[in-house]
Amino acid sequence: MLKIVSIAALALLATSCASIDNALNAPAQSSAQTMSASYAQKGLITKQSSHSAKNTADKLESLIKDKGLTLFTRVDHQRNAANADLELTPTEVIIFGNPKAGTPLMQCAPSVAIDLPQKMLISQDAQGRVWLTYNSTDYLKERHNIQGCDQVLSKISALLDNLGTAATSK
């Protein structure tokens, strides 16, 4: 199971790295605007952090626990890369959830289980900026044709936004 989670997280990382590269090389917009616009097109929400990658991830983990959510795992891709004699900027995926929120979504659209539990990526780009990224609930709704769960999606969206904002803010 951990191998599957690691492979899925690696795929998310690869997509994120490509998006970051595209955003960094885009002309005429500030980096923060470019990151948000680039990720939004792919169903991702991105927030720039005021903290280091480790502090952002530590803060997020603490917030998840404080909210009574289940913390499934914290995947440290930088450490895994180092173990393979490879270099990677700080990159972690935190996987967490709550069956009281996820189960109703799966009852509406069983395929959404492929995107659950929730994941948040904390990564540092080549310029040293730290980003927190996660799937938007609008993306999940469209991707899985979720119908009849707007209230649940709204609550999840608010929770993810609150967690992301709290983890990245001073």
Protein backbone atom coordinates (compact mmCIF):
# COMPACT_ATOMS: atom_id res chain seq x y z
CA MET A 1 0.00 0.00 0.00
CA LEU A 2 2.83 2.39 0.92
CA LYS A 3 4.44 1.65 -2.47
CA ILE A 4 1.21 2.62 -4.27
CA VAL A 5 0.88 5.81 -2.20
CA SER A 6 4.51 6.67 -2.95
CA ILE A 7 4.01 6.11 -6.69
CA ALA A 8 0.85 8.25 -6.68
CA ALA A 9 2.63 10.98 -4.73
CA LEU A 10 5.57 10.82 -7.16
CA ALA A 11 3.17 11.25 -10.09
CA LEU A 12 1.62 14.27 -8.35
CA LEU A 13 5.10 15.62 -7.73
CA ALA A 14 6.10 15.22 -11.38
CA THR A 15 2.98 17.05 -12.50
CA SER A 16 3.58 19.76 -9.92
CA CYS A 17 7.22 20.20 -10.94
CA ALA A 18 6.21 20.61 -14.59
CA SER A 19 3.58 23.16 -13.57
CA ILE A 20 6.07 25.05 -11.42
CA ASP A 21 8.56 25.11 -14.31
CA ASN A 22 5.89 26.39 -16.70
CA ALA A 23 4.79 29.00 -14.19
CA LEU A 24 8.33 30.18 -13.52
CA ASN A 25 9.04 30.64 -17.22
CA ALA A 26 5.78 32.40 -18.08
CA PRO A 27 6.20 36.09 -19.01
CA ALA A 28 4.60 39.29 -17.72
CA GLN A 29 2.91 38.13 -14.51
CA SER A 30 4.10 37.95 -10.95
CA SER A 31 5.17 34.47 -9.89
CA ALA A 32 2.37 34.12 -7.35
CA GLN A 33 -0.25 35.07 -9.96
CA THR A 34 1.27 32.70 -12.48
CA MET A 35 1.38 29.81 -10.02
CA SER A 36 -2.24 30.26 -9.05
CA ALA A 37 -3.43 30.61 -12.64
CA SER A 38 -1.37 27.68 -13.88
CA TYR A 39 -2.50 25.35 -11.12
CA ALA A 40 -6.13 26.48 -11.23
CA GLN A 41 -6.31 25.30 -14.83
CA LYS A 42 -5.27 21.84 -13.67
CA GLY A 43 -7.70 21.67 -10.73
CA LEU A 44 -5.08 22.56 -8.15
CA ILE A 45 -5.12 25.30 -5.55
CA THR A 46 -1.73 26.71 -4.60
CA LYS A 47 -0.74 29.01 -1.78
CA GLN A 48 2.71 30.49 -1.27
CA SER A 49 4.03 29.87 2.22
CA SER A 50 5.69 32.36 4.53
CA HIS A 51 7.64 29.49 6.10
CA SER A 52 10.26 26.94 5.10
CA ALA A 53 8.97 23.72 3.57
CA LYS A 54 9.63 21.77 6.78
CA ASN A 55 7.93 24.38 8.98
CA THR A 56 4.95 24.54 6.60
CA ALA A 57 4.61 20.73 6.66
CA ASP A 58 5.04 20.62 10.45
CA LYS A 59 2.43 23.35 10.89
CA LEU A 60 0.01 21.55 8.54
CA GLU A 61 0.48 18.26 10.38
CA SER A 62 -0.24 19.97 13.70
CA LEU A 63 -3.37 21.66 12.29
CA ILE A 64 -4.64 18.33 10.91
CA LYS A 65 -4.23 16.68 14.30
CA ASP A 66 -5.79 19.66 16.13
CA LYS A 67 -8.88 19.40 13.87
CA GLY A 68 -9.28 15.72 14.79
CA LEU A 69 -8.58 14.56 11.25
CA THR A 70 -6.76 11.31 10.53
CA LEU A 71 -3.13 11.79 9.49
CA PHE A 72 -2.35 8.76 7.31
CA THR A 73 1.23 9.53 6.36
CA ARG A 74 3.78 12.14 5.51
CA VAL A 75 5.86 11.30 2.44
CA ASP A 76 9.26 13.02 2.38
CA HIS A 77 10.32 12.84 -1.27
CA GLN A 78 13.54 14.76 -0.63
CA ARG A 79 14.67 12.16 1.92
CA ASN A 80 13.64 9.32 -0.41
CA ALA A 81 15.62 10.92 -3.25
CA ALA A 82 18.67 11.29 -0.99
CA ASN A 83 18.40 7.60 -0.09
CA ALA A 84 18.71 6.89 -3.83
CA ASP A 85 21.71 9.26 -4.13
CA LEU A 86 19.58 11.85 -5.95
CA GLU A 87 18.95 15.49 -5.15
CA LEU A 88 15.53 17.09 -4.77
CA THR A 89 14.41 20.36 -3.24
CA PRO A 90 12.25 19.94 -0.11
CA THR A 91 9.10 18.14 -1.22
CA GLU A 92 6.56 16.45 1.04
CA VAL A 93 3.04 15.12 0.59
CA ILE A 94 0.81 14.92 3.63
CA ILE A 95 -2.10 12.50 3.33
CA PHE A 96 -5.05 12.94 5.67
CA GLY A 97 -8.80 12.64 5.84
CA ASN A 98 -12.04 12.15 7.69
CA PRO A 99 -14.46 9.30 6.88
CA LYS A 100 -17.42 11.52 7.85
CA ALA A 101 -16.60 13.75 4.88
CA GLY A 102 -15.08 11.28 2.45
CA THR A 103 -17.70 8.56 2.76
CA PRO A 104 -20.63 10.75 1.62
CA LEU A 105 -18.58 11.77 -1.43
CA MET A 106 -17.90 8.13 -2.26
CA GLN A 107 -21.61 7.39 -1.84
CA CYS A 108 -22.34 10.10 -4.42
CA ALA A 109 -19.58 9.02 -6.80
CA PRO A 110 -17.54 5.91 -5.90
CA SER A 111 -14.72 6.87 -8.29
CA VAL A 112 -13.78 9.83 -6.05
CA ALA A 113 -12.13 7.24 -3.78
CA ILE A 114 -9.13 7.34 -6.15
CA ASP A 115 -8.53 10.94 -4.98
CA LEU A 116 -9.16 10.26 -1.31
CA PRO A 117 -7.86 10.60 1.30
CA GLN A 118 -6.96 14.24 0.80
CA LYS A 119 -3.39 15.19 -0.03
CA MET A 120 -1.44 18.41 0.32
CA LEU A 121 1.91 18.92 -1.39
CA ILE A 122 4.50 21.18 0.20
CA SER A 123 7.36 21.96 -2.19
CA GLN A 124 10.20 24.40 -2.57
CA ASP A 125 11.04 25.73 -6.02
CA ALA A 126 14.51 26.52 -7.39
CA GLN A 127 14.21 30.13 -6.15
CA GLY A 128 13.58 28.96 -2.58
CA ARG A 129 9.87 29.81 -2.54
CA VAL A 130 7.64 27.34 -0.73
CA TRP A 131 4.25 26.31 -2.09
CA LEU A 132 1.34 24.33 -0.65
CA THR A 133 -0.85 22.67 -3.30
CA TYR A 134 -4.01 20.55 -3.18
CA ASN A 135 -6.91 19.44 -5.39
CA SER A 136 -9.82 21.86 -5.63
CA THR A 137 -13.22 20.41 -4.78
CA ASP A 138 -14.55 21.88 -8.04
CA TYR A 139 -12.03 19.70 -9.86
CA LEU A 140 -13.11 16.63 -7.88
CA LYS A 141 -16.78 17.42 -8.55
CA GLU A 142 -16.21 17.73 -12.29
CA ARG A 143 -13.72 14.85 -12.58
CA HIS A 144 -16.04 12.39 -10.83
CA ASN A 145 -19.38 13.90 -11.85
CA ILE A 146 -20.36 14.26 -8.19
CA GLN A 147 -24.01 15.18 -7.87
CA GLY A 148 -26.08 15.81 -4.76
CA CYS A 149 -23.11 16.46 -2.48
CA ASP A 150 -22.68 20.21 -2.84
CA GLN A 151 -22.98 20.82 0.91
CA VAL A 152 -20.29 18.21 1.68
CA LEU A 153 -18.03 19.61 -1.05
CA SER A 154 -18.51 23.12 0.31
CA LYS A 155 -17.51 22.03 3.82
CA ILE A 156 -14.45 20.18 2.50
CA SER A 157 -13.47 23.18 0.38
CA ALA A 158 -13.68 25.50 3.40
CA LEU A 159 -11.67 23.07 5.53
CA LEU A 160 -8.93 22.70 2.91
CA ASP A 161 -8.77 26.47 2.42
CA ASN A 162 -8.56 27.05 6.18
CA LEU A 163 -5.84 24.42 6.61
CA GLY A 164 -3.84 25.74 3.66
CA THR A 165 -4.12 29.35 4.75
CA ALA A 166 -3.24 28.61 8.37
CA ALA A 167 -0.24 26.45 7.38
CA THR A 168 1.21 29.04 5.01
CA SER A 169 0.46 32.29 6.89
CA LYS A 170 2.66 33.97 9.46
